[in-house]
Amino acid sequence: LAGVLIMEPEIIFLDEPLAFLDPLGSQTLIEIL
């Protein structure tokens, strides 16, 4: 995700972003989204 965000895209496509993440990892990713 850092490799994607450093390019500062306007549109971001994510494929199953919460797959295999624990609850804390999922919550962190949702906060970033």
ModelCIF file with pLDDT and N, C-alpha, C, O atoms, coordinates in Angstrom:
data_MODEL
#
_entry.id   MODEL 
#
_entity.id                         1 
_entity.type                       polymer 
_entity.pdbx_number_of_molecules   1 
#
_entity_poly.entity_id                      1 
_entity_poly.type                           'polypeptide(L)' 
_entity_poly.nstd_linkage                   no 
_entity_poly.nstd_monomer                   no 
_entity_poly.pdbx_seq_one_letter_code       LAGVLIMEPEIIFLDEPLAFLDPLGSQTLIEIL 
_entity_poly.pdbx_seq_one_letter_code_can   LAGVLIMEPEIIFLDEPLAFLDPLGSQTLIEIL 
_entity_poly.pdbx_strand_id                 A 
#
loop_
_entity_poly_seq.entity_id 
_entity_poly_seq.num 
_entity_poly_seq.mon_id 
_entity_poly_seq.hetero 
1 1  LEU n 
1 2  ALA n 
1 3  GLY n 
1 4  VAL n 
1 5  LEU n 
1 6  ILE n 
1 7  MET n 
1 8  GLU n 
1 9  PRO n 
1 10 GLU n 
1 11 ILE n 
1 12 ILE n 
1 13 PHE n 
1 14 LEU n 
1 15 ASP n 
1 16 GLU n 
1 17 PRO n 
1 18 LEU n 
1 19 ALA n 
1 20 PHE n 
1 21 LEU n 
1 22 ASP n 
1 23 PRO n 
1 24 LEU n 
1 25 GLY n 
1 26 SER n 
1 27 GLN n 
1 28 THR n 
1 29 LEU n 
1 30 ILE n 
1 31 GLU n 
1 32 ILE n 
1 33 LEU n 
#
_struct_asym.id          A 
_struct_asym.entity_id   1 
#
loop_
_ma_qa_metric.id 
_ma_qa_metric.mode 
_ma_qa_metric.name 
_ma_qa_metric.software_group_id 
_ma_qa_metric.type 
1 global pLDDT . pLDDT 
2 local  pLDDT . pLDDT 
#
_ma_qa_metric_global.metric_id      1 
_ma_qa_metric_global.metric_value   93.42 
_ma_qa_metric_global.model_id       1 
_ma_qa_metric_global.ordinal_id     1 
#
loop_
_ma_qa_metric_local.label_asym_id 
_ma_qa_metric_local.label_comp_id 
_ma_qa_metric_local.label_seq_id 
_ma_qa_metric_local.metric_id 
_ma_qa_metric_local.metric_value 
_ma_qa_metric_local.model_id 
_ma_qa_metric_local.ordinal_id 
A LEU 1  2 95.00 1 1  
A ALA 2  2 96.00 1 2  
A GLY 3  2 96.00 1 3  
A VAL 4  2 96.00 1 4  
A LEU 5  2 96.00 1 5  
A ILE 6  2 96.00 1 6  
A MET 7  2 95.00 1 7  
A GLU 8  2 94.00 1 8  
A PRO 9  2 96.00 1 9  
A GLU 10 2 96.00 1 10 
A ILE 11 2 97.00 1 11 
A ILE 12 2 97.00 1 12 
A PHE 13 2 97.00 1 13 
A LEU 14 2 97.00 1 14 
A ASP 15 2 97.00 1 15 
A GLU 16 2 96.00 1 16 
A PRO 17 2 94.00 1 17 
A LEU 18 2 94.00 1 18 
A ALA 19 2 91.00 1 19 
A PHE 20 2 87.00 1 20 
A LEU 21 2 89.00 1 21 
A ASP 22 2 89.00 1 22 
A PRO 23 2 91.00 1 23 
A LEU 24 2 89.00 1 24 
A GLY 25 2 87.00 1 25 
A SER 26 2 91.00 1 26 
A GLN 27 2 92.00 1 27 
A THR 28 2 89.00 1 28 
A LEU 29 2 91.00 1 29 
A ILE 30 2 93.00 1 30 
A GLU 31 2 93.00 1 31 
A ILE 32 2 92.00 1 32 
A LEU 33 2 94.00 1 33 
#
loop_
_atom_site.group_PDB 
_atom_site.id 
_atom_site.type_symbol 
_atom_site.label_atom_id 
_atom_site.label_alt_id 
_atom_site.label_comp_id 
_atom_site.label_asym_id 
_atom_site.label_entity_id 
_atom_site.label_seq_id 
_atom_site.pdbx_PDB_ins_code 
_atom_site.Cartn_x 
_atom_site.Cartn_y 
_atom_site.Cartn_z 
_atom_site.occupancy 
_atom_site.B_iso_or_equiv 
_atom_site.pdbx_formal_charge 
_atom_site.auth_seq_id 
_atom_site.auth_comp_id 
_atom_site.auth_asym_id 
_atom_site.auth_atom_id 
_atom_site.pdbx_PDB_model_num 
ATOM 1   N N  . LEU A 1 1  ? 0.837   -1.202  0.000  1.00 95.00 ? 1  LEU A N  1 
ATOM 2   C CA . LEU A 1 1  ? 0.000   0.000   0.000  1.00 95.00 ? 1  LEU A CA 1 
ATOM 3   C C  . LEU A 1 1  ? 0.873   1.253   0.000  1.00 95.00 ? 1  LEU A C  1 
ATOM 4   O O  . LEU A 1 1  ? 0.557   2.226   -0.686 1.00 95.00 ? 1  LEU A O  1 
ATOM 5   N N  . ALA A 1 2  ? 1.952   1.239   0.753  1.00 96.00 ? 2  ALA A N  1 
ATOM 6   C CA . ALA A 1 2  ? 2.862   2.393   0.757  1.00 96.00 ? 2  ALA A CA 1 
ATOM 7   C C  . ALA A 1 2  ? 3.435   2.620   -0.636 1.00 96.00 ? 2  ALA A C  1 
ATOM 8   O O  . ALA A 1 2  ? 3.556   3.762   -1.078 1.00 96.00 ? 2  ALA A O  1 
ATOM 9   N N  . GLY A 1 3  ? 3.791   1.530   -1.336 1.00 96.00 ? 3  GLY A N  1 
ATOM 10  C CA . GLY A 1 3  ? 4.310   1.644   -2.698 1.00 96.00 ? 3  GLY A CA 1 
ATOM 11  C C  . GLY A 1 3  ? 3.302   2.246   -3.657 1.00 96.00 ? 3  GLY A C  1 
ATOM 12  O O  . GLY A 1 3  ? 3.675   2.921   -4.617 1.00 96.00 ? 3  GLY A O  1 
ATOM 13  N N  . VAL A 1 4  ? 2.030   2.004   -3.402 1.00 96.00 ? 4  VAL A N  1 
ATOM 14  C CA . VAL A 1 4  ? 0.956   2.591   -4.208 1.00 96.00 ? 4  VAL A CA 1 
ATOM 15  C C  . VAL A 1 4  ? 0.765   4.064   -3.841 1.00 96.00 ? 4  VAL A C  1 
ATOM 16  O O  . VAL A 1 4  ? 0.713   4.929   -4.716 1.00 96.00 ? 4  VAL A O  1 
ATOM 17  N N  . LEU A 1 5  ? 0.660   4.338   -2.545 1.00 96.00 ? 5  LEU A N  1 
ATOM 18  C CA . LEU A 1 5  ? 0.327   5.691   -2.095 1.00 96.00 ? 5  LEU A CA 1 
ATOM 19  C C  . LEU A 1 5  ? 1.438   6.704   -2.341 1.00 96.00 ? 5  LEU A C  1 
ATOM 20  O O  . LEU A 1 5  ? 1.159   7.893   -2.501 1.00 96.00 ? 5  LEU A O  1 
ATOM 21  N N  . ILE A 1 6  ? 2.686   6.262   -2.374 1.00 96.00 ? 6  ILE A N  1 
ATOM 22  C CA . ILE A 1 6  ? 3.785   7.206   -2.583 1.00 96.00 ? 6  ILE A CA 1 
ATOM 23  C C  . ILE A 1 6  ? 3.706   7.854   -3.967 1.00 96.00 ? 6  ILE A C  1 
ATOM 24  O O  . ILE A 1 6  ? 4.276   8.922   -4.191 1.00 96.00 ? 6  ILE A O  1 
ATOM 25  N N  . MET A 1 7  ? 3.005   7.213   -4.881 1.00 95.00 ? 7  MET A N  1 
ATOM 26  C CA . MET A 1 7  ? 2.839   7.767   -6.228 1.00 95.00 ? 7  MET A CA 1 
ATOM 27  C C  . MET A 1 7  ? 1.705   8.791   -6.291 1.00 95.00 ? 7  MET A C  1 
ATOM 28  O O  . MET A 1 7  ? 1.494   9.422   -7.327 1.00 95.00 ? 7  MET A O  1 
ATOM 29  N N  . GLU A 1 8  ? 0.975   8.956   -5.185 1.00 94.00 ? 8  GLU A N  1 
ATOM 30  C CA . GLU A 1 8  ? -0.122  9.920   -5.061 1.00 94.00 ? 8  GLU A CA 1 
ATOM 31  C C  . GLU A 1 8  ? -1.155  9.810   -6.189 1.00 94.00 ? 8  GLU A C  1 
ATOM 32  O O  . GLU A 1 8  ? -1.471  10.800  -6.848 1.00 94.00 ? 8  GLU A O  1 
ATOM 33  N N  . PRO A 1 9  ? -1.676  8.600   -6.402 1.00 96.00 ? 9  PRO A N  1 
ATOM 34  C CA . PRO A 1 9  ? -2.691  8.440   -7.456 1.00 96.00 ? 9  PRO A CA 1 
ATOM 35  C C  . PRO A 1 9  ? -4.016  9.078   -7.042 1.00 96.00 ? 9  PRO A C  1 
ATOM 36  O O  . PRO A 1 9  ? -4.325  9.187   -5.855 1.00 96.00 ? 9  PRO A O  1 
ATOM 37  N N  . GLU A 1 10 ? -4.775  9.486   -8.019 1.00 96.00 ? 10 GLU A N  1 
ATOM 38  C CA . GLU A 1 10 ? -6.111  10.035  -7.758 1.00 96.00 ? 10 GLU A CA 1 
ATOM 39  C C  . GLU A 1 10 ? -7.141  8.918   -7.626 1.00 96.00 ? 10 GLU A C  1 
ATOM 40  O O  . GLU A 1 10 ? -8.122  9.050   -6.894 1.00 96.00 ? 10 GLU A O  1 
ATOM 41  N N  . ILE A 1 11 ? -6.910  7.814   -8.343 1.00 97.00 ? 11 ILE A N  1 
ATOM 42  C CA . ILE A 1 11 ? -7.824  6.670   -8.320 1.00 97.00 ? 11 ILE A CA 1 
ATOM 43  C C  . ILE A 1 11 ? -7.014  5.456   -7.877 1.00 97.00 ? 11 ILE A C  1 
ATOM 44  O O  . ILE A 1 11 ? -5.942  5.178   -8.413 1.00 97.00 ? 11 ILE A O  1 
ATOM 45  N N  . ILE A 1 12 ? -7.550  4.735   -6.884 1.00 97.00 ? 12 ILE A N  1 
ATOM 46  C CA . ILE A 1 12 ? -6.866  3.559   -6.364 1.00 97.00 ? 12 ILE A CA 1 
ATOM 47  C C  . ILE A 1 12 ? -7.813  2.365   -6.445 1.00 97.00 ? 12 ILE A C  1 
ATOM 48  O O  . ILE A 1 12 ? -8.929  2.403   -5.926 1.00 97.00 ? 12 ILE A O  1 
ATOM 49  N N  . PHE A 1 13 ? -7.357  1.322   -7.096 1.00 97.00 ? 13 PHE A N  1 
ATOM 50  C CA . PHE A 1 13 ? -8.101  0.067   -7.194 1.00 97.00 ? 13 PHE A CA 1 
ATOM 51  C C  . PHE A 1 13 ? -7.536  -0.911  -6.172 1.00 97.00 ? 13 PHE A C  1 
ATOM 52  O O  . PHE A 1 13 ? -6.321  -1.097  -6.098 1.00 97.00 ? 13 PHE A O  1 
ATOM 53  N N  . LEU A 1 14 ? -8.405  -1.534  -5.387 1.00 97.00 ? 14 LEU A N  1 
ATOM 54  C CA . LEU A 1 14 ? -7.968  -2.505  -4.388 1.00 97.00 ? 14 LEU A CA 1 
ATOM 55  C C  . LEU A 1 14 ? -8.733  -3.803  -4.579 1.00 97.00 ? 14 LEU A C  1 
ATOM 56  O O  . LEU A 1 14 ? -9.958  -3.799  -4.698 1.00 97.00 ? 14 LEU A O  1 
ATOM 57  N N  . ASP A 1 15 ? -8.010  -4.905  -4.608 1.00 97.00 ? 15 ASP A N  1 
ATOM 58  C CA . ASP A 1 15 ? -8.611  -6.226  -4.764 1.00 97.00 ? 15 ASP A CA 1 
ATOM 59  C C  . ASP A 1 15 ? -8.611  -6.911  -3.405 1.00 97.00 ? 15 ASP A C  1 
ATOM 60  O O  . ASP A 1 15 ? -7.548  -7.228  -2.870 1.00 97.00 ? 15 ASP A O  1 
ATOM 61  N N  . GLU A 1 16 ? -9.786  -7.140  -2.846 1.00 96.00 ? 16 GLU A N  1 
ATOM 62  C CA . GLU A 1 16 ? -9.959  -7.792  -1.545 1.00 96.00 ? 16 GLU A CA 1 
ATOM 63  C C  . GLU A 1 16 ? -8.989  -7.233  -0.494 1.00 96.00 ? 16 GLU A C  1 
ATOM 64  O O  . GLU A 1 16 ? -8.167  -7.978  0.041  1.00 96.00 ? 16 GLU A O  1 
ATOM 65  N N  . PRO A 1 17 ? -9.077  -5.937  -0.196 1.00 94.00 ? 17 PRO A N  1 
ATOM 66  C CA . PRO A 1 17 ? -8.084  -5.313  0.678  1.00 94.00 ? 17 PRO A CA 1 
ATOM 67  C C  . PRO A 1 17 ? -8.029  -5.861  2.101  1.00 94.00 ? 17 PRO A C  1 
ATOM 68  O O  . PRO A 1 17 ? -6.998  -5.726  2.760  1.00 94.00 ? 17 PRO A O  1 
ATOM 69  N N  . LEU A 1 18 ? -9.099  -6.471  2.593  1.00 94.00 ? 18 LEU A N  1 
ATOM 70  C CA . LEU A 1 18 ? -9.098  -6.975  3.964  1.00 94.00 ? 18 LEU A CA 1 
ATOM 71  C C  . LEU A 1 18 ? -8.785  -8.462  4.052  1.00 94.00 ? 18 LEU A C  1 
ATOM 72  O O  . LEU A 1 18 ? -8.753  -9.023  5.147  1.00 94.00 ? 18 LEU A O  1 
ATOM 73  N N  . ALA A 1 19 ? -8.556  -9.103  2.916  1.00 91.00 ? 19 ALA A N  1 
ATOM 74  C CA . ALA A 1 19 ? -8.305  -10.541 2.911  1.00 91.00 ? 19 ALA A CA 1 
ATOM 75  C C  . ALA A 1 19 ? -7.101  -10.885 3.781  1.00 91.00 ? 19 ALA A C  1 
ATOM 76  O O  . ALA A 1 19 ? -6.031  -10.290 3.656  1.00 91.00 ? 19 ALA A O  1 
ATOM 77  N N  . PHE A 1 20 ? -7.299  -11.843 4.652  1.00 87.00 ? 20 PHE A N  1 
ATOM 78  C CA . PHE A 1 20 ? -6.251  -12.402 5.513  1.00 87.00 ? 20 PHE A CA 1 
ATOM 79  C C  . PHE A 1 20 ? -5.705  -11.436 6.562  1.00 87.00 ? 20 PHE A C  1 
ATOM 80  O O  . PHE A 1 20 ? -4.679  -11.719 7.181  1.00 87.00 ? 20 PHE A O  1 
ATOM 81  N N  . LEU A 1 21 ? -6.370  -10.307 6.771  1.00 89.00 ? 21 LEU A N  1 
ATOM 82  C CA . LEU A 1 21 ? -5.920  -9.375  7.813  1.00 89.00 ? 21 LEU A CA 1 
ATOM 83  C C  . LEU A 1 21 ? -6.652  -9.692  9.115  1.00 89.00 ? 21 LEU A C  1 
ATOM 84  O O  . LEU A 1 21 ? -7.818  -10.085 9.100  1.00 89.00 ? 21 LEU A O  1 
ATOM 85  N N  . ASP A 1 22 ? -5.963  -9.519  10.230 1.00 89.00 ? 22 ASP A N  1 
ATOM 86  C CA . ASP A 1 22 ? -6.606  -9.678  11.533 1.00 89.00 ? 22 ASP A CA 1 
ATOM 87  C C  . ASP A 1 22 ? -7.502  -8.458  11.782 1.00 89.00 ? 22 ASP A C  1 
ATOM 88  O O  . ASP A 1 22 ? -7.427  -7.486  11.031 1.00 89.00 ? 22 ASP A O  1 
ATOM 89  N N  . PRO A 1 23 ? -8.342  -8.489  12.813 1.00 91.00 ? 23 PRO A N  1 
ATOM 90  C CA . PRO A 1 23 ? -9.255  -7.360  13.045 1.00 91.00 ? 23 PRO A CA 1 
ATOM 91  C C  . PRO A 1 23 ? -8.553  -6.010  13.182 1.00 91.00 ? 23 PRO A C  1 
ATOM 92  O O  . PRO A 1 23 ? -9.036  -5.010  12.650 1.00 91.00 ? 23 PRO A O  1 
ATOM 93  N N  . LEU A 1 24 ? -7.418  -5.966  13.887 1.00 89.00 ? 24 LEU A N  1 
ATOM 94  C CA . LEU A 1 24 ? -6.701  -4.699  14.033 1.00 89.00 ? 24 LEU A CA 1 
ATOM 95  C C  . LEU A 1 24 ? -6.141  -4.233  12.687 1.00 89.00 ? 24 LEU A C  1 
ATOM 96  O O  . LEU A 1 24 ? -6.203  -3.045  12.367 1.00 89.00 ? 24 LEU A O  1 
ATOM 97  N N  . GLY A 1 25 ? -5.600  -5.156  11.905 1.00 87.00 ? 25 GLY A N  1 
ATOM 98  C CA . GLY A 1 25 ? -5.085  -4.812  10.579 1.00 87.00 ? 25 GLY A CA 1 
ATOM 99  C C  . GLY A 1 25 ? -6.198  -4.308  9.666  1.00 87.00 ? 25 GLY A C  1 
ATOM 100 O O  . GLY A 1 25 ? -6.002  -3.367  8.897  1.00 87.00 ? 25 GLY A O  1 
ATOM 101 N N  . SER A 1 26 ? -7.367  -4.941  9.757  1.00 91.00 ? 26 SER A N  1 
ATOM 102 C CA . SER A 1 26 ? -8.520  -4.509  8.959  1.00 91.00 ? 26 SER A CA 1 
ATOM 103 C C  . SER A 1 26 ? -8.957  -3.108  9.351  1.00 91.00 ? 26 SER A C  1 
ATOM 104 O O  . SER A 1 26 ? -9.215  -2.266  8.490  1.00 91.00 ? 26 SER A O  1 
ATOM 105 N N  . GLN A 1 27 ? -9.040  -2.858  10.670 1.00 92.00 ? 27 GLN A N  1 
ATOM 106 C CA . GLN A 1 27 ? -9.455  -1.536  11.146 1.00 92.00 ? 27 GLN A CA 1 
ATOM 107 C C  . GLN A 1 27 ? -8.462  -0.467  10.724 1.00 92.00 ? 27 GLN A C  1 
ATOM 108 O O  . GLN A 1 27 ? -8.862  0.629   10.332 1.00 92.00 ? 27 GLN A O  1 
ATOM 109 N N  . THR A 1 28 ? -7.176  -0.770  10.801 1.00 89.00 ? 28 THR A N  1 
ATOM 110 C CA . THR A 1 28 ? -6.145  0.183   10.388 1.00 89.00 ? 28 THR A CA 1 
ATOM 111 C C  . THR A 1 28 ? -6.291  0.511   8.911  1.00 89.00 ? 28 THR A C  1 
ATOM 112 O O  . THR A 1 28 ? -6.220  1.675   8.519  1.00 89.00 ? 28 THR A O  1 
ATOM 113 N N  . LEU A 1 29 ? -6.494  -0.511  8.093  1.00 91.00 ? 29 LEU A N  1 
ATOM 114 C CA . LEU A 1 29 ? -6.647  -0.275  6.655  1.00 91.00 ? 29 LEU A CA 1 
ATOM 115 C C  . LEU A 1 29 ? -7.902  0.539   6.362  1.00 91.00 ? 29 LEU A C  1 
ATOM 116 O O  . LEU A 1 29 ? -7.874  1.424   5.506  1.00 91.00 ? 29 LEU A O  1 
ATOM 117 N N  . ILE A 1 30 ? -8.989  0.260   7.048  1.00 93.00 ? 30 ILE A N  1 
ATOM 118 C CA . ILE A 1 30 ? -10.229 1.030   6.854  1.00 93.00 ? 30 ILE A CA 1 
ATOM 119 C C  . ILE A 1 30 ? -10.005 2.493   7.227  1.00 93.00 ? 30 ILE A C  1 
ATOM 120 O O  . ILE A 1 30 ? -10.496 3.386   6.536  1.00 93.00 ? 30 ILE A O  1 
ATOM 121 N N  . GLU A 1 31 ? -9.277  2.750   8.303  1.00 93.00 ? 31 GLU A N  1 
ATOM 122 C CA . GLU A 1 31 ? -8.976  4.132   8.693  1.00 93.00 ? 31 GLU A CA 1 
ATOM 123 C C  . GLU A 1 31 ? -8.150  4.836   7.618  1.00 93.00 ? 31 GLU A C  1 
ATOM 124 O O  . GLU A 1 31 ? -8.355  6.020   7.351  1.00 93.00 ? 31 GLU A O  1 
ATOM 125 N N  . ILE A 1 32 ? -7.231  4.120   7.010  1.00 92.00 ? 32 ILE A N  1 
ATOM 126 C CA . ILE A 1 32 ? -6.428  4.700   5.926  1.00 92.00 ? 32 ILE A CA 1 
ATOM 127 C C  . ILE A 1 32 ? -7.309  4.988   4.715  1.00 92.00 ? 32 ILE A C  1 
ATOM 128 O O  . ILE A 1 32 ? -7.166  6.032   4.077  1.00 92.00 ? 32 ILE A O  1 
ATOM 129 N N  . LEU A 1 33 ? -8.215  4.071   4.395  1.00 94.00 ? 33 LEU A N  1 
ATOM 130 C CA . LEU A 1 33 ? -9.139  4.303   3.278  1.00 94.00 ? 33 LEU A CA 1 
ATOM 131 C C  . LEU A 1 33 ? -10.024 5.516   3.552  1.00 94.00 ? 33 LEU A C  1 
ATOM 132 O O  . LEU A 1 33 ? -10.865 5.867   2.725  1.00 94.00 ? 33 LEU A O  1 
#
